[in-house]
C-alpha atoms as a PDB file:
ATOM      1  CA  MET A   1      20.346 224.766 109.021  1.00  0.00           C
ATOM      2  CA  THR A   2      19.793 220.997 109.084  1.00  0.00           C
ATOM      3  CA  SER A   3      17.394 219.325 106.709  1.00  0.00           C
ATOM      4  CA  LYS A   4      14.983 218.729 109.585  1.00  0.00           C
ATOM      5  CA  GLU A   5      15.026 222.404 110.565  1.00  0.00           C
ATOM      6  CA  ARG A   6      14.688 223.475 106.933  1.00  0.00           C
ATOM      7  CA  VAL A   7      11.687 221.250 106.254  1.00  0.00           C
ATOM      8  CA  LEU A   8       9.826 222.179 109.438  1.00  0.00           C
ATOM      9  CA  ARG A   9      10.400 225.876 108.850  1.00  0.00           C
ATOM     10  CA  ASN A  10       9.461 225.556 105.178  1.00  0.00           C
ATOM     11  CA  TYR A  11       6.225 223.759 106.063  1.00  0.00           C
ATOM     12  CA  THR A  12       5.263 226.363 108.643  1.00  0.00           C
ATOM     13  CA  PHE A  13       6.033 229.277 106.286  1.00  0.00           C
ATOM     14  CA  GLN A  14       9.068 230.554 108.145  1.00  0.00           C
ATOM     15  CA  ARG A  15      12.267 231.910 106.630  1.00  0.00           C
ATOM     16  CA  ILE A  16      14.569 229.252 105.134  1.00  0.00           C
ATOM     17  CA  ASP A  17      17.830 229.250 103.194  1.00  0.00           C
ATOM     18  CA  ARG A  18      16.477 227.225 100.279  1.00  0.00           C
ATOM     19  CA  PHE A  19      13.452 225.239  99.196  1.00  0.00           C
ATOM     20  CA  THR A  20      13.556 221.623 100.274  1.00  0.00           C
ATOM     21  CA  ILE A  21      14.315 218.748  97.888  1.00  0.00           C
ATOM     22  CA  ASP A  22      12.910 215.228  97.782  1.00  0.00           C
ATOM     23  CA  PHE A  23      13.277 212.073  95.712  1.00  0.00           C
ATOM     24  CA  CYS A  24      11.027 209.117  94.886  1.00  0.00           C
ATOM     25  CA  ALA A  25      11.630 206.473  92.238  1.00  0.00           C
ATOM     26  CA  GLU A  26      11.244 202.814  91.416  1.00  0.00           C
ATOM     27  CA  SER A  27      14.125 200.517  92.330  1.00  0.00           C
ATOM     28  CA  VAL A  28      15.716 200.368  88.894  1.00  0.00           C
ATOM     29  CA  VAL A  29      16.086 204.165  88.870  1.00  0.00           C
ATOM     30  CA  TYR A  30      17.834 204.080  92.242  1.00  0.00           C
ATOM     31  CA  GLU A  31      20.221 201.497  90.808  1.00  0.00           C
ATOM     32  CA  ARG A  32      20.952 203.532  87.678  1.00  0.00           C
ATOM     33  CA  LEU A  33      21.635 206.666  89.712  1.00  0.00           C
ATOM     34  CA  ARG A  34      23.860 204.807  92.179  1.00  0.00           C
ATOM     35  CA  ASN A  35      25.911 203.564  89.255  1.00  0.00           C
ATOM     36  CA  TYR A  36      26.013 207.006  87.642  1.00  0.00           C
ATOM     37  CA  TYR A  37      27.260 208.767  90.782  1.00  0.00           C
ATOM     38  CA  GLY A  38      29.273 205.882  92.189  1.00  0.00           C
ATOM     39  CA  ALA A  39      27.180 205.894  95.383  1.00  0.00           C
ATOM     40  CA  LYS A  40      27.681 202.886  97.638  1.00  0.00           C
ATOM     41  CA  ASP A  41      24.021 202.786  98.728  1.00  0.00           C
ATOM     42  CA  ASP A  42      20.733 204.678  98.579  1.00  0.00           C
ATOM     43  CA  LEU A  43      21.543 206.834 101.609  1.00  0.00           C
ATOM     44  CA  GLU A  44      24.732 208.086  99.990  1.00  0.00           C
ATOM     45  CA  LEU A  45      22.733 208.760  96.823  1.00  0.00           C
ATOM     46  CA  MET A  46      20.288 210.888  98.845  1.00  0.00           C
ATOM     47  CA  GLU A  47      23.235 212.885 100.189  1.00  0.00           C
ATOM     48  CA  ILE A  48      24.537 213.469  96.664  1.00  0.00           C
ATOM     49  CA  LEU A  49      21.112 214.685  95.509  1.00  0.00           C
ATOM     50  CA  HIS A  50      20.699 216.947  98.603  1.00  0.00           C
ATOM     51  CA  VAL A  51      17.483 215.225  99.661  1.00  0.00           C
ATOM     52  CA  ASP A  52      16.056 216.596 102.918  1.00  0.00           C
ATOM     53  CA  PHE A  53      13.612 213.770 103.729  1.00  0.00           C
ATOM     54  CA  ARG A  54      13.907 210.176 104.956  1.00  0.00           C
ATOM     55  CA  TYR A  55      11.208 207.481 104.822  1.00  0.00           C
ATOM     56  CA  PRO A  56      11.843 204.584 107.229  1.00  0.00           C
ATOM     57  CA  LYS A  57       9.397 201.689 106.900  1.00  0.00           C
ATOM     58  CA  PRO A  58       8.491 198.968 109.397  1.00  0.00           C
ATOM     59  CA  ARG A  59       9.632 195.445 108.553  1.00  0.00           C
ATOM     60  CA  TRP A  60       6.971 192.861 107.795  1.00  0.00           C
ATOM     61  CA  ILE A  61       7.116 189.903 110.207  1.00  0.00           C
ATOM     62  CA  GLY A  62       3.747 188.415 109.318  1.00  0.00           C
ATOM     63  CA  PRO A  63       3.116 185.283 107.258  1.00  0.00           C
ATOM     64  CA  PRO A  64       4.772 184.899 103.851  1.00  0.00           C
ATOM     65  CA  LEU A  65       3.215 187.226 101.274  1.00  0.00           C
ATOM     66  CA  VAL A  66       2.428 184.505  98.765  1.00  0.00           C
ATOM     67  CA  ASP A  67      -0.801 182.718  97.856  1.00  0.00           C
ATOM     68  CA  GLU A  68      -1.599 179.030  97.392  1.00  0.00           C
ATOM     69  CA  GLN A  69      -0.465 179.218  93.756  1.00  0.00           C
ATOM     70  CA  GLY A  70       2.917 180.677  94.712  1.00  0.00           C
ATOM     71  CA  ARG A  71       2.069 184.168  93.456  1.00  0.00           C
ATOM     72  CA  PRO A  72       3.328 187.202  95.426  1.00  0.00           C
ATOM     73  CA  THR A  73       0.611 189.088  97.275  1.00  0.00           C
ATOM     74  CA  ASP A  74       0.301 192.294  99.243  1.00  0.00           C
ATOM     75  CA  TYR A  75      -0.676 192.157 102.928  1.00  0.00           C
ATOM     76  CA  PHE A  76      -4.385 192.068 102.012  1.00  0.00           C
ATOM     77  CA  GLY A  77      -3.847 188.801 100.159  1.00  0.00           C
ATOM     78  CA  ILE A  78      -4.272 190.368  96.705  1.00  0.00           C
ATOM     79  CA  PRO A  79      -2.075 188.502  94.169  1.00  0.00           C
ATOM     80  CA  ARG A  80       0.060 190.939  92.218  1.00  0.00           C
ATOM     81  CA  GLY A  81       1.994 190.851  88.964  1.00  0.00           C
ATOM     82  CA  GLY A  82       3.709 193.134  86.479  1.00  0.00           C
ATOM     83  CA  VAL A  83       7.147 194.607  85.951  1.00  0.00           C
ATOM     84  CA  GLY A  84       8.709 197.001  88.458  1.00  0.00           C
ATOM     85  CA  ASP A  85       7.854 197.948  92.018  1.00  0.00           C
ATOM     86  CA  PHE A  86       4.145 198.635  91.764  1.00  0.00           C
ATOM     87  CA  GLY A  87       2.447 195.942  89.713  1.00  0.00           C
ATOM     88  CA  TYR A  88      -1.276 195.356  89.526  1.00  0.00           C
ATOM     89  CA  ALA A  89      -3.901 193.052  90.992  1.00  0.00           C
ATOM     90  CA  LEU A  90      -4.025 189.748  89.129  1.00  0.00           C
ATOM     91  CA  GLU A  91      -7.452 189.074  90.606  1.00  0.00           C
ATOM     92  CA  HIS A  92      -9.822 190.566  93.170  1.00  0.00           C
ATOM     93  CA  PRO A  93     -10.310 188.205  96.131  1.00  0.00           C
ATOM     94  CA  LEU A  94     -13.601 189.792  97.210  1.00  0.00           C
ATOM     95  CA  ALA A  95     -15.033 190.248  93.711  1.00  0.00           C
ATOM     96  CA  GLY A  96     -18.056 188.119  94.551  1.00  0.00           C
ATOM     97  CA  VAL A  97     -18.754 189.488  98.028  1.00  0.00           C
ATOM     98  CA  ARG A  98     -22.456 189.889  98.773  1.00  0.00           C
ATOM     99  CA  SER A  99     -22.755 190.418 102.526  1.00  0.00           C
ATOM    100  CA  VAL A 100     -21.094 191.861 105.610  1.00  0.00           C
ATOM    101  CA  ALA A 101     -20.696 188.305 106.901  1.00  0.00           C
ATOM    102  CA  GLU A 102     -18.609 187.413 103.851  1.00  0.00           C
ATOM    103  CA  VAL A 103     -16.450 190.472 104.452  1.00  0.00           C
ATOM    104  CA  GLU A 104     -15.836 189.396 108.044  1.00  0.00           C
ATOM    105  CA  ALA A 105     -15.059 185.839 106.945  1.00  0.00           C
ATOM    106  CA  TYR A 106     -12.301 186.859 104.539  1.00  0.00           C
ATOM    107  CA  PRO A 107      -9.231 184.959 105.823  1.00  0.00           C
ATOM    108  CA  HIS A 108      -6.513 187.417 104.800  1.00  0.00           C
ATOM    109  CA  TRP A 109      -7.253 190.519 106.847  1.00  0.00           C
ATOM    110  CA  PRO A 110      -3.886 191.697 108.235  1.00  0.00           C
ATOM    111  CA  SER A 111      -3.199 192.472 111.878  1.00  0.00           C
ATOM    112  CA  PRO A 112      -1.135 195.360 113.308  1.00  0.00           C
ATOM    113  CA  ASP A 113       1.147 192.845 115.047  1.00  0.00           C
ATOM    114  CA  MET A 114       2.512 191.751 111.675  1.00  0.00           C
ATOM    115  CA  TRP A 115       5.114 194.580 111.689  1.00  0.00           C
ATOM    116  CA  ASP A 116       8.364 195.018 113.618  1.00  0.00           C
ATOM    117  CA  TYR A 117       7.906 198.393 115.313  1.00  0.00           C
ATOM    118  CA  ASP A 118      11.048 198.210 117.450  1.00  0.00           C
ATOM    119  CA  GLN A 119      13.249 198.010 114.371  1.00  0.00           C
ATOM    120  CA  TYR A 120      11.159 200.797 112.859  1.00  0.00           C
ATOM    121  CA  ALA A 121      11.897 203.050 115.840  1.00  0.00           C
ATOM    122  CA  GLU A 122      15.622 202.305 115.544  1.00  0.00           C
ATOM    123  CA  ASP A 123      15.545 203.180 111.842  1.00  0.00           C
ATOM    124  CA  CYS A 124      13.726 206.467 112.502  1.00  0.00           C
ATOM    125  CA  ALA A 125      16.229 207.403 115.198  1.00  0.00           C
ATOM    126  CA  ARG A 126      19.095 207.202 112.682  1.00  0.00           C
ATOM    127  CA  PHE A 127      17.944 210.315 110.836  1.00  0.00           C
ATOM    128  CA  GLU A 128      18.070 213.026 113.483  1.00  0.00           C
ATOM    129  CA  GLU A 129      19.281 215.673 110.997  1.00  0.00           C
ATOM    130  CA  TYR A 130      16.602 214.920 108.402  1.00  0.00           C
ATOM    131  CA  ALA A 131      12.852 215.328 108.167  1.00  0.00           C
ATOM    132  CA  VAL A 132      11.427 211.899 108.952  1.00  0.00           C
ATOM    133  CA  LEU A 133       8.095 210.946 107.412  1.00  0.00           C
ATOM    134  CA  GLY A 134       6.126 208.309 109.283  1.00  0.00           C
ATOM    135  CA  GLY A 135       2.747 206.779 109.879  1.00  0.00           C
ATOM    136  CA  VAL A 136       0.774 204.296 107.864  1.00  0.00           C
ATOM    137  CA  TRP A 137       0.415 204.457 104.088  1.00  0.00           C
ATOM    138  CA  GLY A 138      -3.359 204.842 104.203  1.00  0.00           C
ATOM    139  CA  TRP A 139      -4.372 203.512 100.782  1.00  0.00           C
ATOM    140  CA  PHE A 140      -7.697 202.268 102.146  1.00  0.00           C
ATOM    141  CA  PHE A 141      -9.914 203.311  99.231  1.00  0.00           C
ATOM    142  CA  GLU A 142      -7.515 201.928  96.631  1.00  0.00           C
ATOM    143  CA  ALA A 143      -7.188 198.722  98.662  1.00  0.00           C
ATOM    144  CA  ALA A 144     -10.976 198.344  98.759  1.00  0.00           C
ATOM    145  CA  CYS A 145     -11.137 198.806  94.997  1.00  0.00           C
ATOM    146  CA  GLU A 146      -8.402 196.216  94.466  1.00  0.00           C
ATOM    147  CA  LEU A 147     -10.010 193.709  96.815  1.00  0.00           C
ATOM    148  CA  VAL A 148     -13.355 193.961  95.041  1.00  0.00           C
ATOM    149  CA  GLY A 149     -12.550 195.422  91.626  1.00  0.00           C
ATOM    150  CA  MET A 150     -12.983 199.131  91.051  1.00  0.00           C
ATOM    151  CA  ASP A 151     -16.208 198.972  89.017  1.00  0.00           C
ATOM    152  CA  ARG A 152     -17.793 196.586  91.488  1.00  0.00           C
ATOM    153  CA  PHE A 153     -16.770 198.640  94.534  1.00  0.00           C
ATOM    154  CA  PHE A 154     -18.355 201.771  93.084  1.00  0.00           C
ATOM    155  CA  LEU A 155     -21.547 199.765  92.512  1.00  0.00           C
ATOM    156  CA  LEU A 156     -21.410 198.512  96.097  1.00  0.00           C
ATOM    157  CA  MET A 157     -21.314 202.101  97.358  1.00  0.00           C
ATOM    158  CA  TYR A 158     -24.689 202.630  95.682  1.00  0.00           C
ATOM    159  CA  ASP A 159     -26.328 199.203  95.896  1.00  0.00           C
ATOM    160  CA  GLN A 160     -24.956 197.750  99.134  1.00  0.00           C
ATOM    161  CA  PRO A 161     -23.382 200.565 101.114  1.00  0.00           C
ATOM    162  CA  GLU A 162     -23.279 198.436 104.261  1.00  0.00           C
ATOM    163  CA  VAL A 163     -20.925 196.005 102.496  1.00  0.00           C
ATOM    164  CA  ALA A 164     -18.736 198.830 101.181  1.00  0.00           C
ATOM    165  CA  HIS A 165     -18.519 200.306 104.690  1.00  0.00           C
ATOM    166  CA  ALA A 166     -17.687 196.902 106.190  1.00  0.00           C
ATOM    167  CA  ILE A 167     -14.725 196.542 103.819  1.00  0.00           C
ATOM    168  CA  LEU A 168     -13.496 200.075 104.508  1.00  0.00           C
ATOM    169  CA  GLU A 169     -13.899 199.582 108.254  1.00  0.00           C
ATOM    170  CA  ARG A 170     -11.755 196.424 108.272  1.00  0.00           C
ATOM    171  CA  ILE A 171      -9.044 198.140 106.248  1.00  0.00           C
ATOM    172  CA  VAL A 172      -9.008 201.423 108.166  1.00  0.00           C
ATOM    173  CA  SER A 173      -9.172 199.806 111.608  1.00  0.00           C
ATOM    174  CA  PHE A 174      -5.972 197.947 110.730  1.00  0.00           C
ATOM    175  CA  MET A 175      -4.287 201.059 109.303  1.00  0.00           C
ATOM    176  CA  GLU A 176      -5.390 203.335 112.126  1.00  0.00           C
ATOM    177  CA  ARG A 177      -4.014 201.022 114.811  1.00  0.00           C
ATOM    178  CA  THR A 178      -0.820 200.353 112.849  1.00  0.00           C
ATOM    179  CA  SER A 179      -0.181 204.082 112.539  1.00  0.00           C
ATOM    180  CA  GLU A 180      -0.919 204.626 116.227  1.00  0.00           C
ATOM    181  CA  ILE A 181       1.699 202.046 117.225  1.00  0.00           C
ATOM    182  CA  MET A 182       4.233 203.595 114.842  1.00  0.00           C
ATOM    183  CA  PHE A 183       3.826 206.963 116.541  1.00  0.00           C
ATOM    184  CA  GLU A 184       3.800 205.429 120.022  1.00  0.00           C
ATOM    185  CA  LYS A 185       7.088 203.669 119.297  1.00  0.00           C
ATOM    186  CA  ALA A 186       8.868 206.249 117.148  1.00  0.00           C
ATOM    187  CA  GLY A 187       6.886 209.472 117.365  1.00  0.00           C
ATOM    188  CA  LYS A 188       9.710 211.460 118.943  1.00  0.00           C
ATOM    189  CA  TYR A 189      11.780 210.861 115.807  1.00  0.00           C
ATOM    190  CA  ILE A 190       8.994 211.509 113.260  1.00  0.00           C
ATOM    191  CA  ASP A 191       8.271 214.999 111.943  1.00  0.00           C
ATOM    192  CA  ILE A 192       5.448 214.509 109.441  1.00  0.00           C
ATOM    193  CA  CYS A 193       2.535 212.070 109.242  1.00  0.00           C
ATOM    194  CA  PHE A 194       2.623 210.965 105.606  1.00  0.00           C
ATOM    195  CA  THR A 195      -0.291 209.036 104.173  1.00  0.00           C
ATOM    196  CA  GLY A 196      -1.622 208.428 100.699  1.00  0.00           C
ATOM    197  CA  ASP A 197      -4.618 207.339  98.661  1.00  0.00           C
ATOM    198  CA  ASP A 198      -5.723 208.446  95.197  1.00  0.00           C
ATOM    199  CA  TYR A 199      -8.976 210.375  94.670  1.00  0.00           C
ATOM    200  CA  GLY A 200      -8.534 211.921  91.218  1.00  0.00           C
ATOM    201  CA  PHE A 201      -8.475 210.925  87.576  1.00  0.00           C
ATOM    202  CA  GLN A 202      -6.588 212.840  84.895  1.00  0.00           C
ATOM    203  CA  THR A 203      -9.687 214.823  83.963  1.00  0.00           C
ATOM    204  CA  GLY A 204     -11.407 215.340  87.294  1.00  0.00           C
ATOM    205  CA  PRO A 205     -12.415 213.911  90.677  1.00  0.00           C
ATOM    206  CA  MET A 206     -12.882 210.166  91.012  1.00  0.00           C
ATOM    207  CA  MET A 207     -16.310 210.509  92.612  1.00  0.00           C
ATOM    208  CA  SER A 208     -19.010 212.977  93.581  1.00  0.00           C
ATOM    209  CA  PRO A 209     -18.767 215.108  96.721  1.00  0.00           C
ATOM    210  CA  ALA A 210     -21.608 213.064  98.219  1.00  0.00           C
ATOM    211  CA  LEU A 211     -19.705 209.807  97.788  1.00  0.00           C
ATOM    212  CA  PHE A 212     -16.454 211.369  99.002  1.00  0.00           C
ATOM    213  CA  ASN A 213     -18.098 212.679 102.152  1.00  0.00           C
ATOM    214  CA  ARG A 214     -19.743 209.316 102.849  1.00  0.00           C
ATOM    215  CA  PHE A 215     -17.071 206.774 101.890  1.00  0.00           C
ATOM    216  CA  VAL A 216     -13.745 208.620 102.095  1.00  0.00           C
ATOM    217  CA  ARG A 217     -13.798 211.576 104.445  1.00  0.00           C
ATOM    218  CA  PRO A 218     -14.730 209.844 107.728  1.00  0.00           C
ATOM    219  CA  TYR A 219     -12.145 207.110 107.237  1.00  0.00           C
ATOM    220  CA  LEU A 220      -9.420 209.458 106.068  1.00  0.00           C
ATOM    221  CA  GLN A 221     -10.103 211.725 109.039  1.00  0.00           C
ATOM    222  CA  ARG A 222      -9.230 208.812 111.334  1.00  0.00           C
ATOM    223  CA  ILE A 223      -5.840 208.443 109.631  1.00  0.00           C
ATOM    224  CA  TYR A 224      -5.186 212.191 109.872  1.00  0.00           C
ATOM    225  CA  ASP A 225      -6.256 212.280 113.496  1.00  0.00           C
ATOM    226  CA  VAL A 226      -3.620 209.750 114.541  1.00  0.00           C
ATOM    227  CA  GLY A 227      -0.910 212.099 113.294  1.00  0.00           C
ATOM    228  CA  ARG A 228      -2.663 215.162 114.707  1.00  0.00           C
ATOM    229  CA  ARG A 229      -2.953 213.565 118.169  1.00  0.00           C
ATOM    230  CA  HIS A 230       0.806 213.131 118.109  1.00  0.00           C
ATOM    231  CA  GLY A 231       1.404 216.737 117.075  1.00  0.00           C
ATOM    232  CA  LYS A 232       2.578 216.029 113.523  1.00  0.00           C
ATOM    233  CA  LEU A 233       2.077 217.930 110.306  1.00  0.00           C
ATOM    234  CA  ILE A 234      -0.189 216.042 107.895  1.00  0.00           C
ATOM    235  CA  MET A 235       1.049 215.293 104.390  1.00  0.00           C
ATOM    236  CA  HIS A 236      -1.201 213.485 101.917  1.00  0.00           C
ATOM    237  CA  HIS A 237      -0.340 211.893  98.597  1.00  0.00           C
ATOM    238  CA  SER A 238      -3.061 211.826  95.964  1.00  0.00           C
ATOM    239  CA  CYS A 239      -2.436 211.637  92.243  1.00  0.00           C
ATOM    240  CA  GLY A 240      -4.649 213.096  89.556  1.00  0.00           C
ATOM    241  CA  SER A 241      -7.085 215.977  89.604  1.00  0.00           C
ATOM    242  CA  VAL A 242      -7.748 216.600  93.297  1.00  0.00           C
ATOM    243  CA  ALA A 243      -8.311 220.369  93.190  1.00  0.00           C
ATOM    244  CA  ARG A 244     -11.974 219.756  94.100  1.00  0.00           C
ATOM    245  CA  TRP A 245     -10.945 218.112  97.364  1.00  0.00           C
ATOM    246  CA  ILE A 246      -8.319 220.595  98.559  1.00  0.00           C
ATOM    247  CA  PRO A 247     -10.654 222.788 100.674  1.00  0.00           C
ATOM    248  CA  THR A 248     -12.138 219.681 102.294  1.00  0.00           C
ATOM    249  CA  LEU A 249      -8.727 218.187 103.029  1.00  0.00           C
ATOM    250  CA  MET A 250      -7.605 221.469 104.547  1.00  0.00           C
ATOM    251  CA  GLU A 251     -10.703 221.491 106.779  1.00  0.00           C
ATOM    252  CA  MET A 252      -9.685 218.006 107.912  1.00  0.00           C
ATOM    253  CA  GLY A 253      -6.211 219.183 108.898  1.00  0.00           C
ATOM    254  CA  LEU A 254      -4.077 218.773 105.787  1.00  0.00           C
ATOM    255  CA  ASN A 255      -0.824 220.776 105.822  1.00  0.00           C
ATOM    256  CA  ILE A 256       1.015 219.452 102.754  1.00  0.00           C
ATOM    257  CA  LEU A 257      -0.376 218.129  99.463  1.00  0.00           C
ATOM    258  CA  GLU A 258       1.857 215.687  97.588  1.00  0.00           C
ATOM    259  CA  PRO A 259       2.134 215.967  94.622  1.00  0.00           C
ATOM    260  CA  ILE A 260       0.878 218.478  92.102  1.00  0.00           C
ATOM    261  CA  GLN A 261       0.131 216.342  89.031  1.00  0.00           C
ATOM    262  CA  VAL A 262       0.549 219.362  86.823  1.00  0.00           C
ATOM    263  CA  ARG A 263      -1.142 218.008  83.678  1.00  0.00           C
ATOM    264  CA  ALA A 264      -4.307 216.908  85.466  1.00  0.00           C
ATOM    265  CA  ALA A 265      -7.390 219.119  85.314  1.00  0.00           C
ATOM    266  CA  GLY A 266      -7.332 222.023  87.743  1.00  0.00           C
ATOM    267  CA  MET A 267      -3.784 221.333  88.935  1.00  0.00           C
ATOM    268  CA  ASP A 268      -1.906 224.248  87.387  1.00  0.00           C
ATOM    269  CA  PRO A 269       0.788 225.164  89.951  1.00  0.00           C
ATOM    270  CA  ARG A 270       0.415 228.893  89.383  1.00  0.00           C
ATOM    271  CA  GLU A 271      -3.317 228.767  90.058  1.00  0.00           C
ATOM    272  CA  LEU A 272      -2.841 226.591  93.149  1.00  0.00           C
ATOM    273  CA  ALA A 273      -0.100 228.889  94.473  1.00  0.00           C
ATOM    274  CA  ALA A 274      -2.260 231.972  93.962  1.00  0.00           C
ATOM    275  CA  LYS A 275      -5.237 230.336  95.676  1.00  0.00           C
ATOM    276  CA  TYR A 276      -3.577 228.497  98.565  1.00  0.00           C
ATOM    277  CA  GLY A 277      -0.093 230.001  98.889  1.00  0.00           C
ATOM    278  CA  GLY A 278       0.830 230.699 102.503  1.00  0.00           C
ATOM    279  CA  ARG A 279      -1.908 228.362 103.765  1.00  0.00           C
ATOM    280  CA  LEU A 280      -1.148 224.987 102.163  1.00  0.00           C
ATOM    281  CA  CYS A 281       2.253 223.508 101.313  1.00  0.00           C
ATOM    282  CA  PHE A 282       2.978 221.664  98.066  1.00  0.00           C
ATOM    283  CA  HIS A 283       5.440 218.806  97.727  1.00  0.00           C
ATOM    284  CA  GLY A 284       6.547 217.805  94.217  1.00  0.00           C
ATOM    285  CA  SER A 285       5.437 218.946  90.764  1.00  0.00           C
ATOM    286  CA  ILE A 286       8.207 218.343  88.227  1.00  0.00           C
ATOM    287  CA  ASP A 287       6.218 216.688  85.484  1.00  0.00           C
ATOM    288  CA  THR A 288       6.650 212.914  85.074  1.00  0.00           C
ATOM    289  CA  GLN A 289       3.998 212.665  82.362  1.00  0.00           C
ATOM    290  CA  GLN A 290       5.636 214.816  79.691  1.00  0.00           C
ATOM    291  CA  THR A 291       8.636 216.953  80.649  1.00  0.00           C
ATOM    292  CA  LEU A 292      10.797 214.339  82.361  1.00  0.00           C
ATOM    293  CA  PRO A 293      10.171 211.356  80.044  1.00  0.00           C
ATOM    294  CA  PHE A 294       9.952 213.250  76.738  1.00  0.00           C
ATOM    295  CA  GLY A 295      11.615 216.629  77.234  1.00  0.00           C
ATOM    296  CA  THR A 296      15.250 217.659  77.027  1.00  0.00           C
ATOM    297  CA  PRO A 297      17.510 218.381  80.007  1.00  0.00           C
ATOM    298  CA  GLU A 298      17.017 222.074  79.266  1.00  0.00           C
ATOM    299  CA  ASP A 299      13.227 221.612  79.371  1.00  0.00           C
ATOM    300  CA  VAL A 300      13.620 220.015  82.785  1.00  0.00           C
ATOM    301  CA  ARG A 301      15.854 222.788  84.078  1.00  0.00           C
ATOM    302  CA  ARG A 302      13.411 225.399  82.816  1.00  0.00           C
ATOM    303  CA  GLU A 303      10.512 223.716  84.615  1.00  0.00           C
ATOM    304  CA  VAL A 304      12.408 223.516  87.916  1.00  0.00           C
ATOM    305  CA  LYS A 305      13.274 227.208  87.697  1.00  0.00           C
ATOM    306  CA  GLU A 306       9.715 228.165  86.800  1.00  0.00           C
ATOM    307  CA  ARG A 307       8.311 226.186  89.744  1.00  0.00           C
ATOM    308  CA  VAL A 308      10.674 227.826  92.217  1.00  0.00           C
ATOM    309  CA  GLU A 309       9.740 231.253  90.906  1.00  0.00           C
ATOM    310  CA  THR A 310       6.042 230.378  91.230  1.00  0.00           C
ATOM    311  CA  PHE A 311       6.304 229.421  94.911  1.00  0.00           C
ATOM    312  CA  ARG A 312       9.044 231.829  96.036  1.00  0.00           C
ATOM    313  CA  PRO A 313       6.535 234.515  97.185  1.00  0.00           C
ATOM    314  CA  TYR A 314       4.673 232.001  99.367  1.00  0.00           C
ATOM    315  CA  GLY A 315       7.125 229.388 100.668  1.00  0.00           C
ATOM    316  CA  GLY A 316       5.977 225.927 101.666  1.00  0.00           C
ATOM    317  CA  PHE A 317       7.248 224.141  98.560  1.00  0.00           C
ATOM    318  CA  THR A 318       9.470 221.111  97.916  1.00  0.00           C
ATOM    319  CA  ILE A 319      11.200 220.393  94.604  1.00  0.00           C
ATOM    320  CA  ALA A 320      10.386 216.799  93.715  1.00  0.00           C
ATOM    321  CA  PRO A 321       8.858 214.833  90.837  1.00  0.00           C
ATOM    322  CA  SER A 322       5.106 214.755  90.378  1.00  0.00           C
ATOM    323  CA  GLN A 323       5.133 210.957  90.760  1.00  0.00           C
ATOM    324  CA  HIS A 324       7.779 208.266  91.181  1.00  0.00           C
ATOM    325  CA  LEU A 325      10.590 208.493  88.663  1.00  0.00           C
ATOM    326  CA  MET A 326      10.091 205.502  86.393  1.00  0.00           C
ATOM    327  CA  ARG A 327      12.443 203.567  84.141  1.00  0.00           C
ATOM    328  CA  ASP A 328      11.188 205.333  80.995  1.00  0.00           C
ATOM    329  CA  ILE A 329      12.705 208.672  82.104  1.00  0.00           C
ATOM    330  CA  PRO A 330      16.150 209.336  80.575  1.00  0.00           C
ATOM    331  CA  LEU A 331      18.875 209.400  83.194  1.00  0.00           C
ATOM    332  CA  GLU A 332      20.190 212.725  81.900  1.00  0.00           C
ATOM    333  CA  ASN A 333      16.805 214.331  82.635  1.00  0.00           C
ATOM    334  CA  ILE A 334      16.813 213.101  86.221  1.00  0.00           C
ATOM    335  CA  VAL A 335      20.360 214.387  86.675  1.00  0.00           C
ATOM    336  CA  ALA A 336      19.316 217.725  85.164  1.00  0.00           C
ATOM    337  CA  MET A 337      16.386 217.959  87.561  1.00  0.00           C
ATOM    338  CA  TYR A 338      18.533 217.567  90.679  1.00  0.00           C
ATOM    339  CA  GLU A 339      21.308 219.796  89.397  1.00  0.00           C
ATOM    340  CA  ALA A 340      18.707 222.486  88.686  1.00  0.00           C
ATOM    341  CA  ALA A 341      17.058 221.899  92.061  1.00  0.00           C
ATOM    342  CA  TRP A 342      20.343 222.594  93.835  1.00  0.00           C
ATOM    343  CA  GLU A 343      21.028 225.634  91.648  1.00  0.00           C
ATOM    344  CA  TYR A 344      17.607 227.293  91.872  1.00  0.00           C
ATOM    345  CA  ALA A 345      16.391 226.236  95.342  1.00  0.00           C
ATOM    346  CA  TRP A 346      18.286 228.951  97.201  1.00  0.00           C
ATOM    347  CA  LEU A 347      16.120 231.810  98.432  1.00  0.00           C
END
């Protein structure tokens, strides 16, 4: 059974030989693991760790991602700083926005033609034995909050909803078309439409159902529908406590939730398995908040085994961390996780 076959069968609740395995980490963790295993590159490292998924990304060919002060920016023109791969917004370019006209006049809206889709298709084609995840990373709500500032954007949703919608429309129109081109160019090589945006805090949902249904659902549905039109399974990343949104996301066409942030409210894997097992797949749940950074290798092994036992009756589960593996996690715990994954994954 190839990785591609295993993933597609796993995520349609068919018989498989073992649960699937995935990996996500910041760059420094990749480097440490390459050195530990003597891997020549990241692809060889994925082979060593028995990872079943591959994530090709289109190459940016737009203007330099740097502002007038020489600071690095993302493709929305938000200057970013911090250590590591993720960083944070140094300022919010639309913090003072007051009208739809000002939204439209913002000079840094990206265009879908700022990516190299031909190279993307070639990269996807390289992984015929693996499950290829594709489509746009649809972080539209987070992007809106970072353009405006989170507090201010939530106020806009109440006080000037037309401005909030104008910002979301510009972002999602770009993402929707970008994703469409990705599937037009490389859809025959892609197995799963993978998108992501965060809608939960540690203690509960980020917003009320009324706000979610007005300012998230219609835009997210457009991202899902691109993948659905191309016949792909839909996988969505959302950190935090998102248990409240699971029935809604399933109504919208969600097949796979990534991850289970196990220490967030309402995200106990056993409860989720009992409630949604056999209907919704779960991707990742090995705890990056406590077990991996602060536990022992034996704690990690125990958690991997427990998670496999939880989902064995239902299927549709991938062993992976609950968020990116960060530099604060001891290397021996990461090694223990993937050794245990290979030991306990077999069904």
